[in-house]
mmCIF file of all heavy atoms, coordinates in Angstrom:
data_MODEL
# 
_entry.id   MODEL 
# 
loop_
_atom_site.group_PDB 
_atom_site.id 
_atom_site.type_symbol 
_atom_site.label_atom_id 
_atom_site.label_alt_id 
_atom_site.label_comp_id 
_atom_site.label_asym_id 
_atom_site.label_entity_id 
_atom_site.label_seq_id 
_atom_site.pdbx_PDB_ins_code 
_atom_site.Cartn_x 
_atom_site.Cartn_y 
_atom_site.Cartn_z 
_atom_site.occupancy 
_atom_site.B_iso_or_equiv 
_atom_site.pdbx_formal_charge 
_atom_site.auth_seq_id 
_atom_site.auth_comp_id 
_atom_site.auth_asym_id 
_atom_site.auth_atom_id 
_atom_site.pdbx_PDB_model_num 
ATOM 1   N N   . GLU A 1 1  ? -22.390 4.758  -6.769  1.00 0.00 ? 1  GLU A N   1 
ATOM 2   C CA  . GLU A 1 1  ? -22.981 3.518  -6.877  1.00 0.00 ? 1  GLU A CA  1 
ATOM 3   C C   . GLU A 1 1  ? -22.077 2.353  -7.384  1.00 0.00 ? 1  GLU A C   1 
ATOM 4   O O   . GLU A 1 1  ? -22.236 1.163  -7.080  1.00 0.00 ? 1  GLU A O   1 
ATOM 5   C CB  . GLU A 1 1  ? -24.258 3.536  -7.787  1.00 0.00 ? 1  GLU A CB  1 
ATOM 6   C CG  . GLU A 1 1  ? -25.362 4.486  -7.191  1.00 0.00 ? 1  GLU A CG  1 
ATOM 7   C CD  . GLU A 1 1  ? -26.520 4.506  -8.146  1.00 0.00 ? 1  GLU A CD  1 
ATOM 8   O OE1 . GLU A 1 1  ? -26.582 3.899  -9.165  1.00 0.00 ? 1  GLU A OE1 1 
ATOM 9   O OE2 . GLU A 1 1  ? -27.595 5.081  -7.761  1.00 0.00 ? 1  GLU A OE2 1 
ATOM 10  N N   . ASN A 1 2  ? -21.085 2.758  -8.161  1.00 0.00 ? 2  ASN A N   1 
ATOM 11  C CA  . ASN A 1 2  ? -20.144 1.823  -8.732  1.00 0.00 ? 2  ASN A CA  1 
ATOM 12  C C   . ASN A 1 2  ? -19.304 1.187  -7.520  1.00 0.00 ? 2  ASN A C   1 
ATOM 13  O O   . ASN A 1 2  ? -18.932 0.110  -7.660  1.00 0.00 ? 2  ASN A O   1 
ATOM 14  C CB  . ASN A 1 2  ? -19.237 2.493  -9.794  1.00 0.00 ? 2  ASN A CB  1 
ATOM 15  C CG  . ASN A 1 2  ? -18.210 1.522  -10.435 1.00 0.00 ? 2  ASN A CG  1 
ATOM 16  O OD1 . ASN A 1 2  ? -17.224 1.184  -9.681  1.00 0.00 ? 2  ASN A OD1 1 
ATOM 17  N ND2 . ASN A 1 2  ? -18.507 1.163  -11.571 1.00 0.00 ? 2  ASN A ND2 1 
ATOM 18  N N   . GLY A 1 3  ? -18.988 2.002  -6.542  1.00 0.00 ? 3  GLY A N   1 
ATOM 19  C CA  . GLY A 1 3  ? -18.260 1.484  -5.416  1.00 0.00 ? 3  GLY A CA  1 
ATOM 20  C C   . GLY A 1 3  ? -16.738 1.113  -5.656  1.00 0.00 ? 3  GLY A C   1 
ATOM 21  O O   . GLY A 1 3  ? -16.193 0.341  -4.864  1.00 0.00 ? 3  GLY A O   1 
ATOM 22  N N   . PHE A 1 4  ? -16.174 1.663  -6.642  1.00 0.00 ? 4  PHE A N   1 
ATOM 23  C CA  . PHE A 1 4  ? -14.826 1.312  -7.035  1.00 0.00 ? 4  PHE A CA  1 
ATOM 24  C C   . PHE A 1 4  ? -13.822 2.084  -6.222  1.00 0.00 ? 4  PHE A C   1 
ATOM 25  O O   . PHE A 1 4  ? -13.720 3.260  -6.402  1.00 0.00 ? 4  PHE A O   1 
ATOM 26  C CB  . PHE A 1 4  ? -14.510 1.498  -8.538  1.00 0.00 ? 4  PHE A CB  1 
ATOM 27  C CG  . PHE A 1 4  ? -13.190 0.885  -8.918  1.00 0.00 ? 4  PHE A CG  1 
ATOM 28  C CD1 . PHE A 1 4  ? -13.018 -0.363 -9.344  1.00 0.00 ? 4  PHE A CD1 1 
ATOM 29  C CD2 . PHE A 1 4  ? -12.143 1.861  -9.036  1.00 0.00 ? 4  PHE A CD2 1 
ATOM 30  C CE1 . PHE A 1 4  ? -11.742 -0.841 -9.680  1.00 0.00 ? 4  PHE A CE1 1 
ATOM 31  C CE2 . PHE A 1 4  ? -10.828 1.473  -9.418  1.00 0.00 ? 4  PHE A CE2 1 
ATOM 32  C CZ  . PHE A 1 4  ? -10.676 0.130  -9.682  1.00 0.00 ? 4  PHE A CZ  1 
ATOM 33  N N   . LYS A 1 5  ? -13.000 1.384  -5.389  1.00 0.00 ? 5  LYS A N   1 
ATOM 34  C CA  . LYS A 1 5  ? -11.910 2.239  -4.591  1.00 0.00 ? 5  LYS A CA  1 
ATOM 35  C C   . LYS A 1 5  ? -10.790 1.117  -4.427  1.00 0.00 ? 5  LYS A C   1 
ATOM 36  O O   . LYS A 1 5  ? -11.046 0.076  -4.099  1.00 0.00 ? 5  LYS A O   1 
ATOM 37  C CB  . LYS A 1 5  ? -12.516 2.714  -3.274  1.00 0.00 ? 5  LYS A CB  1 
ATOM 38  C CG  . LYS A 1 5  ? -13.427 3.855  -3.332  1.00 0.00 ? 5  LYS A CG  1 
ATOM 39  C CD  . LYS A 1 5  ? -13.705 4.331  -1.823  1.00 0.00 ? 5  LYS A CD  1 
ATOM 40  C CE  . LYS A 1 5  ? -14.767 5.352  -1.948  1.00 0.00 ? 5  LYS A CE  1 
ATOM 41  N NZ  . LYS A 1 5  ? -15.111 5.973  -0.566  1.00 0.00 ? 5  LYS A NZ  1 
ATOM 42  N N   . VAL A 1 6  ? -9.535  1.734  -4.570  1.00 0.00 ? 6  VAL A N   1 
ATOM 43  C CA  . VAL A 1 6  ? -8.424  0.918  -4.234  1.00 0.00 ? 6  VAL A CA  1 
ATOM 44  C C   . VAL A 1 6  ? -7.294  1.925  -3.704  1.00 0.00 ? 6  VAL A C   1 
ATOM 45  O O   . VAL A 1 6  ? -7.151  2.825  -4.082  1.00 0.00 ? 6  VAL A O   1 
ATOM 46  C CB  . VAL A 1 6  ? -7.860  0.274  -5.506  1.00 0.00 ? 6  VAL A CB  1 
ATOM 47  C CG1 . VAL A 1 6  ? -6.715  -0.748 -5.163  1.00 0.00 ? 6  VAL A CG1 1 
ATOM 48  C CG2 . VAL A 1 6  ? -8.872  -0.455 -6.346  1.00 0.00 ? 6  VAL A CG2 1 
ATOM 49  N N   . HIS A 1 7  ? -6.723  1.318  -2.592  1.00 0.00 ? 7  HIS A N   1 
ATOM 50  C CA  . HIS A 1 7  ? -5.745  2.017  -1.925  1.00 0.00 ? 7  HIS A CA  1 
ATOM 51  C C   . HIS A 1 7  ? -4.542  1.190  -1.672  1.00 0.00 ? 7  HIS A C   1 
ATOM 52  O O   . HIS A 1 7  ? -4.521  0.199  -1.129  1.00 0.00 ? 7  HIS A O   1 
ATOM 53  C CB  . HIS A 1 7  ? -6.269  2.559  -0.472  1.00 0.00 ? 7  HIS A CB  1 
ATOM 54  C CG  . HIS A 1 7  ? -5.274  3.390  0.238   1.00 0.00 ? 7  HIS A CG  1 
ATOM 55  N ND1 . HIS A 1 7  ? -5.507  3.645  1.635   1.00 0.00 ? 7  HIS A ND1 1 
ATOM 56  C CD2 . HIS A 1 7  ? -4.137  4.078  -0.095  1.00 0.00 ? 7  HIS A CD2 1 
ATOM 57  C CE1 . HIS A 1 7  ? -4.422  4.518  2.119   1.00 0.00 ? 7  HIS A CE1 1 
ATOM 58  N NE2 . HIS A 1 7  ? -3.674  4.699  0.939   1.00 0.00 ? 7  HIS A NE2 1 
ATOM 59  N N   . SER A 1 8  ? -3.241  1.729  -2.147  1.00 0.00 ? 8  SER A N   1 
ATOM 60  C CA  . SER A 1 8  ? -2.019  0.891  -2.075  1.00 0.00 ? 8  SER A CA  1 
ATOM 61  C C   . SER A 1 8  ? -0.984  1.644  -1.248  1.00 0.00 ? 8  SER A C   1 
ATOM 62  O O   . SER A 1 8  ? -1.012  2.818  -1.256  1.00 0.00 ? 8  SER A O   1 
ATOM 63  C CB  . SER A 1 8  ? -1.588  0.369  -3.380  1.00 0.00 ? 8  SER A CB  1 
ATOM 64  O OG  . SER A 1 8  ? -1.083  1.437  -4.059  1.00 0.00 ? 8  SER A OG  1 
ATOM 65  N N   . TYR A 1 9  ? -0.036  0.967  -0.641  1.00 0.00 ? 9  TYR A N   1 
ATOM 66  C CA  . TYR A 1 9  ? 0.944   1.654  0.113   1.00 0.00 ? 9  TYR A CA  1 
ATOM 67  C C   . TYR A 1 9  ? 2.344   1.050  -0.341  1.00 0.00 ? 9  TYR A C   1 
ATOM 68  O O   . TYR A 1 9  ? 2.516   -0.249 -0.553  1.00 0.00 ? 9  TYR A O   1 
ATOM 69  C CB  . TYR A 1 9  ? 0.886   1.434  1.589   1.00 0.00 ? 9  TYR A CB  1 
ATOM 70  C CG  . TYR A 1 9  ? 2.010   2.133  2.436   1.00 0.00 ? 9  TYR A CG  1 
ATOM 71  C CD1 . TYR A 1 9  ? 1.989   3.450  2.755   1.00 0.00 ? 9  TYR A CD1 1 
ATOM 72  C CD2 . TYR A 1 9  ? 2.976   1.178  2.767   1.00 0.00 ? 9  TYR A CD2 1 
ATOM 73  C CE1 . TYR A 1 9  ? 3.001   3.875  3.508   1.00 0.00 ? 9  TYR A CE1 1 
ATOM 74  C CE2 . TYR A 1 9  ? 4.112   1.781  3.615   1.00 0.00 ? 9  TYR A CE2 1 
ATOM 75  C CZ  . TYR A 1 9  ? 4.101   3.122  3.952   1.00 0.00 ? 9  TYR A CZ  1 
ATOM 76  O OH  . TYR A 1 9  ? 5.096   3.618  4.663   1.00 0.00 ? 9  TYR A OH  1 
ATOM 77  N N   . GLN A 1 10 ? 3.451   1.966  -0.388  1.00 0.00 ? 10 GLN A N   1 
ATOM 78  C CA  . GLN A 1 10 ? 4.838   1.489  -0.779  1.00 0.00 ? 10 GLN A CA  1 
ATOM 79  C C   . GLN A 1 10 ? 5.709   2.149  0.190   1.00 0.00 ? 10 GLN A C   1 
ATOM 80  O O   . GLN A 1 10 ? 5.740   3.319  0.254   1.00 0.00 ? 10 GLN A O   1 
ATOM 81  C CB  . GLN A 1 10 ? 5.049   1.746  -2.182  1.00 0.00 ? 10 GLN A CB  1 
ATOM 82  C CG  . GLN A 1 10 ? 6.584   1.648  -2.471  1.00 0.00 ? 10 GLN A CG  1 
ATOM 83  C CD  . GLN A 1 10 ? 7.094   0.211  -2.727  1.00 0.00 ? 10 GLN A CD  1 
ATOM 84  O OE1 . GLN A 1 10 ? 6.601   -0.637 -3.520  1.00 0.00 ? 10 GLN A OE1 1 
ATOM 85  N NE2 . GLN A 1 10 ? 8.159   -0.078 -1.912  1.00 0.00 ? 10 GLN A NE2 1 
ATOM 86  N N   . SER A 1 11 ? 6.540   1.446  0.816   1.00 0.00 ? 11 SER A N   1 
ATOM 87  C CA  . SER A 1 11 ? 7.706   1.998  1.672   1.00 0.00 ? 11 SER A CA  1 
ATOM 88  C C   . SER A 1 11 ? 9.043   1.774  0.960   1.00 0.00 ? 11 SER A C   1 
ATOM 89  O O   . SER A 1 11 ? 9.249   0.750  0.295   1.00 0.00 ? 11 SER A O   1 
ATOM 90  C CB  . SER A 1 11 ? 7.720   1.361  2.989   1.00 0.00 ? 11 SER A CB  1 
ATOM 91  O OG  . SER A 1 11 ? 8.895   1.818  3.741   1.00 0.00 ? 11 SER A OG  1 
ATOM 92  N N   . PHE A 1 12 ? 9.814   2.803  0.907   1.00 0.00 ? 12 PHE A N   1 
ATOM 93  C CA  . PHE A 1 12 ? 11.164  2.775  0.281   1.00 0.00 ? 12 PHE A CA  1 
ATOM 94  C C   . PHE A 1 12 ? 12.290  2.655  1.314   1.00 0.00 ? 12 PHE A C   1 
ATOM 95  O O   . PHE A 1 12 ? 13.514  2.730  0.983   1.00 0.00 ? 12 PHE A O   1 
ATOM 96  C CB  . PHE A 1 12 ? 11.357  3.993  -0.552  1.00 0.00 ? 12 PHE A CB  1 
ATOM 97  C CG  . PHE A 1 12 ? 10.494  4.069  -1.779  1.00 0.00 ? 12 PHE A CG  1 
ATOM 98  C CD1 . PHE A 1 12 ? 9.385   4.885  -1.809  1.00 0.00 ? 12 PHE A CD1 1 
ATOM 99  C CD2 . PHE A 1 12 ? 10.894  3.220  -2.855  1.00 0.00 ? 12 PHE A CD2 1 
ATOM 100 C CE1 . PHE A 1 12 ? 8.703   4.855  -3.095  1.00 0.00 ? 12 PHE A CE1 1 
ATOM 101 C CE2 . PHE A 1 12 ? 10.049  3.285  -4.018  1.00 0.00 ? 12 PHE A CE2 1 
ATOM 102 C CZ  . PHE A 1 12 ? 9.041   4.123  -4.060  1.00 0.00 ? 12 PHE A CZ  1 
ATOM 103 N N   . THR A 1 13 ? 11.833  2.576  2.583   1.00 0.00 ? 13 THR A N   1 
ATOM 104 C CA  . THR A 1 13 ? 12.933  2.521  3.583   1.00 0.00 ? 13 THR A CA  1 
ATOM 105 C C   . THR A 1 13 ? 13.051  1.074  4.198   1.00 0.00 ? 13 THR A C   1 
ATOM 106 O O   . THR A 1 13 ? 12.134  0.473  4.489   1.00 0.00 ? 13 THR A O   1 
ATOM 107 C CB  . THR A 1 13 ? 12.557  3.351  4.753   1.00 0.00 ? 13 THR A CB  1 
ATOM 108 O OG1 . THR A 1 13 ? 11.335  2.904  5.336   1.00 0.00 ? 13 THR A OG1 1 
ATOM 109 C CG2 . THR A 1 13 ? 12.485  4.890  4.389   1.00 0.00 ? 13 THR A CG2 1 
ATOM 110 N N   . GLY A 1 14 ? 14.311  0.583  4.060   1.00 0.00 ? 14 GLY A N   1 
ATOM 111 C CA  . GLY A 1 14 ? 14.565  -0.782 4.534   1.00 0.00 ? 14 GLY A CA  1 
ATOM 112 C C   . GLY A 1 14 ? 14.423  -1.058 5.918   1.00 0.00 ? 14 GLY A C   1 
ATOM 113 O O   . GLY A 1 14 ? 14.210  -2.232 6.346   1.00 0.00 ? 14 GLY A O   1 
ATOM 114 N N   . THR A 1 15 ? 14.254  -0.212 6.720   1.00 0.00 ? 15 THR A N   1 
ATOM 115 C CA  . THR A 1 15 ? 14.033  -0.301 8.166   1.00 0.00 ? 15 THR A CA  1 
ATOM 116 C C   . THR A 1 15 ? 12.537  -0.571 8.525   1.00 0.00 ? 15 THR A C   1 
ATOM 117 O O   . THR A 1 15 ? 12.241  -0.865 9.676   1.00 0.00 ? 15 THR A O   1 
ATOM 118 C CB  . THR A 1 15 ? 14.593  0.956  9.003   1.00 0.00 ? 15 THR A CB  1 
ATOM 119 O OG1 . THR A 1 15 ? 13.914  2.125  8.584   1.00 0.00 ? 15 THR A OG1 1 
ATOM 120 C CG2 . THR A 1 15 ? 16.093  1.152  8.786   1.00 0.00 ? 15 THR A CG2 1 
ATOM 121 N N   . SER A 1 16 ? 11.663  -0.176 7.603   1.00 0.00 ? 16 SER A N   1 
ATOM 122 C CA  . SER A 1 16 ? 10.313  -0.333 7.873   1.00 0.00 ? 16 SER A CA  1 
ATOM 123 C C   . SER A 1 16 ? 9.780   -1.746 7.682   1.00 0.00 ? 16 SER A C   1 
ATOM 124 O O   . SER A 1 16 ? 10.200  -2.507 6.646   1.00 0.00 ? 16 SER A O   1 
ATOM 125 C CB  . SER A 1 16 ? 9.517   0.553  7.006   1.00 0.00 ? 16 SER A CB  1 
ATOM 126 O OG  . SER A 1 16 ? 8.100   0.255  6.995   1.00 0.00 ? 16 SER A OG  1 
ATOM 127 N N   . PRO A 1 17 ? 8.886   -2.290 8.531   1.00 0.00 ? 17 PRO A N   1 
ATOM 128 C CA  . PRO A 1 17 ? 8.313   -3.586 8.395   1.00 0.00 ? 17 PRO A CA  1 
ATOM 129 C C   . PRO A 1 17 ? 7.496   -3.795 7.093   1.00 0.00 ? 17 PRO A C   1 
ATOM 130 O O   . PRO A 1 17 ? 7.028   -4.784 6.605   1.00 0.00 ? 17 PRO A O   1 
ATOM 131 C CB  . PRO A 1 17 ? 7.594   -3.950 9.597   1.00 0.00 ? 17 PRO A CB  1 
ATOM 132 C CG  . PRO A 1 17 ? 7.330   -2.610 10.121  1.00 0.00 ? 17 PRO A CG  1 
ATOM 133 C CD  . PRO A 1 17 ? 8.465   -1.722 9.745   1.00 0.00 ? 17 PRO A CD  1 
ATOM 134 N N   . ARG A 1 18 ? 7.067   -2.511 6.642   1.00 0.00 ? 18 ARG A N   1 
ATOM 135 C CA  . ARG A 1 18 ? 6.113   -2.475 5.527   1.00 0.00 ? 18 ARG A CA  1 
ATOM 136 C C   . ARG A 1 18 ? 6.807   -1.967 4.212   1.00 0.00 ? 18 ARG A C   1 
ATOM 137 O O   . ARG A 1 18 ? 6.490   -1.232 3.469   1.00 0.00 ? 18 ARG A O   1 
ATOM 138 C CB  . ARG A 1 18 ? 5.017   -1.499 5.744   1.00 0.00 ? 18 ARG A CB  1 
ATOM 139 C CG  . ARG A 1 18 ? 4.263   -1.790 7.018   1.00 0.00 ? 18 ARG A CG  1 
ATOM 140 C CD  . ARG A 1 18 ? 3.172   -0.721 7.189   1.00 0.00 ? 18 ARG A CD  1 
ATOM 141 N NE  . ARG A 1 18 ? 3.594   0.633  7.320   1.00 0.00 ? 18 ARG A NE  1 
ATOM 142 C CZ  . ARG A 1 18 ? 2.869   1.672  7.392   1.00 0.00 ? 18 ARG A CZ  1 
ATOM 143 N NH1 . ARG A 1 18 ? 1.579   1.527  7.221   1.00 0.00 ? 18 ARG A NH1 1 
ATOM 144 N NH2 . ARG A 1 18 ? 3.395   3.033  7.452   1.00 0.00 ? 18 ARG A NH2 1 
ATOM 145 N N   . ASN A 1 19 ? 8.083   -2.524 3.997   1.00 0.00 ? 19 ASN A N   1 
ATOM 146 C CA  . ASN A 1 19 ? 8.821   -2.108 2.962   1.00 0.00 ? 19 ASN A CA  1 
ATOM 147 C C   . ASN A 1 19 ? 8.670   -2.838 1.597   1.00 0.00 ? 19 ASN A C   1 
ATOM 148 O O   . ASN A 1 19 ? 9.326   -2.635 0.584   1.00 0.00 ? 19 ASN A O   1 
ATOM 149 C CB  . ASN A 1 19 ? 10.397  -2.432 3.279   1.00 0.00 ? 19 ASN A CB  1 
ATOM 150 C CG  . ASN A 1 19 ? 10.770  -3.804 3.359   1.00 0.00 ? 19 ASN A CG  1 
ATOM 151 O OD1 . ASN A 1 19 ? 9.855   -4.767 3.489   1.00 0.00 ? 19 ASN A OD1 1 
ATOM 152 N ND2 . ASN A 1 19 ? 12.039  -4.187 3.543   1.00 0.00 ? 19 ASN A ND2 1 
ATOM 153 N N   . GLU A 1 20 ? 7.502   -3.380 1.496   1.00 0.00 ? 20 GLU A N   1 
ATOM 154 C CA  . GLU A 1 20 ? 7.023   -3.887 0.195   1.00 0.00 ? 20 GLU A CA  1 
ATOM 155 C C   . GLU A 1 20 ? 5.717   -3.282 -0.281  1.00 0.00 ? 20 GLU A C   1 
ATOM 156 O O   . GLU A 1 20 ? 4.889   -2.767 0.613   1.00 0.00 ? 20 GLU A O   1 
ATOM 157 C CB  . GLU A 1 20 ? 6.750   -5.405 0.211   1.00 0.00 ? 20 GLU A CB  1 
ATOM 158 C CG  . GLU A 1 20 ? 8.150   -6.234 0.583   1.00 0.00 ? 20 GLU A CG  1 
ATOM 159 C CD  . GLU A 1 20 ? 9.008   -6.046 -0.464  1.00 0.00 ? 20 GLU A CD  1 
ATOM 160 O OE1 . GLU A 1 20 ? 8.779   -5.816 -1.679  1.00 0.00 ? 20 GLU A OE1 1 
ATOM 161 O OE2 . GLU A 1 20 ? 10.265  -6.244 -0.114  1.00 0.00 ? 20 GLU A OE2 1 
ATOM 162 N N   . SER A 1 21 ? 5.399   -3.186 -1.585  1.00 0.00 ? 21 SER A N   1 
ATOM 163 C CA  . SER A 1 21 ? 4.092   -2.754 -1.936  1.00 0.00 ? 21 SER A CA  1 
ATOM 164 C C   . SER A 1 21 ? 3.024   -3.596 -1.397  1.00 0.00 ? 21 SER A C   1 
ATOM 165 O O   . SER A 1 21 ? 3.101   -4.813 -1.379  1.00 0.00 ? 21 SER A O   1 
ATOM 166 C CB  . SER A 1 21 ? 4.027   -2.674 -3.570  1.00 0.00 ? 21 SER A CB  1 
ATOM 167 O OG  . SER A 1 21 ? 4.974   -1.965 -4.175  1.00 0.00 ? 21 SER A OG  1 
ATOM 168 N N   . LYS A 1 22 ? 1.962   -2.940 -1.031  1.00 0.00 ? 22 LYS A N   1 
ATOM 169 C CA  . LYS A 1 22 ? 0.779   -3.786 -0.538  1.00 0.00 ? 22 LYS A CA  1 
ATOM 170 C C   . LYS A 1 22 ? -0.529  -3.069 -0.755  1.00 0.00 ? 22 LYS A C   1 
ATOM 171 O O   . LYS A 1 22 ? -0.575  -1.828 -0.938  1.00 0.00 ? 22 LYS A O   1 
ATOM 172 C CB  . LYS A 1 22 ? 0.867   -4.105 0.959   1.00 0.00 ? 22 LYS A CB  1 
ATOM 173 C CG  . LYS A 1 22 ? 0.640   -2.926 1.852   1.00 0.00 ? 22 LYS A CG  1 
ATOM 174 C CD  . LYS A 1 22 ? 0.588   -3.337 3.344   1.00 0.00 ? 22 LYS A CD  1 
ATOM 175 C CE  . LYS A 1 22 ? 0.388   -2.089 4.195   1.00 0.00 ? 22 LYS A CE  1 
ATOM 176 N NZ  . LYS A 1 22 ? 0.224   -2.586 5.684   1.00 0.00 ? 22 LYS A NZ  1 
ATOM 177 N N   . ILE A 1 23 ? -1.486  -3.829 -0.908  1.00 0.00 ? 23 ILE A N   1 
ATOM 178 C CA  . ILE A 1 23 ? -2.908  -3.219 -1.084  1.00 0.00 ? 23 ILE A CA  1 
ATOM 179 C C   . ILE A 1 23 ? -3.502  -3.082 0.367   1.00 0.00 ? 23 ILE A C   1 
ATOM 180 O O   . ILE A 1 23 ? -3.561  -3.928 1.138   1.00 0.00 ? 23 ILE A O   1 
ATOM 181 C CB  . ILE A 1 23 ? -3.836  -4.228 -1.785  1.00 0.00 ? 23 ILE A CB  1 
ATOM 182 C CG1 . ILE A 1 23 ? -3.346  -4.494 -3.239  1.00 0.00 ? 23 ILE A CG1 1 
ATOM 183 C CG2 . ILE A 1 23 ? -5.270  -3.723 -1.788  1.00 0.00 ? 23 ILE A CG2 1 
ATOM 184 C CD1 . ILE A 1 23 ? -3.388  -3.282 -4.051  1.00 0.00 ? 23 ILE A CD1 1 
ATOM 185 N N   . VAL A 1 24 ? -3.861  -1.762 0.650   1.00 0.00 ? 24 VAL A N   1 
ATOM 186 C CA  . VAL A 1 24 ? -4.421  -1.406 1.922   1.00 0.00 ? 24 VAL A CA  1 
ATOM 187 C C   . VAL A 1 24 ? -5.820  -1.817 2.074   1.00 0.00 ? 24 VAL A C   1 
ATOM 188 O O   . VAL A 1 24 ? -6.372  -2.364 2.987   1.00 0.00 ? 24 VAL A O   1 
ATOM 189 C CB  . VAL A 1 24 ? -4.206  0.089  2.237   1.00 0.00 ? 24 VAL A CB  1 
ATOM 190 C CG1 . VAL A 1 24 ? -4.887  0.459  3.607   1.00 0.00 ? 24 VAL A CG1 1 
ATOM 191 C CG2 . VAL A 1 24 ? -2.841  0.431  2.246   1.00 0.00 ? 24 VAL A CG2 1 
# 
């Protein structure tokens, strides 16, 4: 019932367009 969820992603490879931390 609280509904608390958080999902983040971090890429460590410089070739990836997602190479920064982000909240999914």
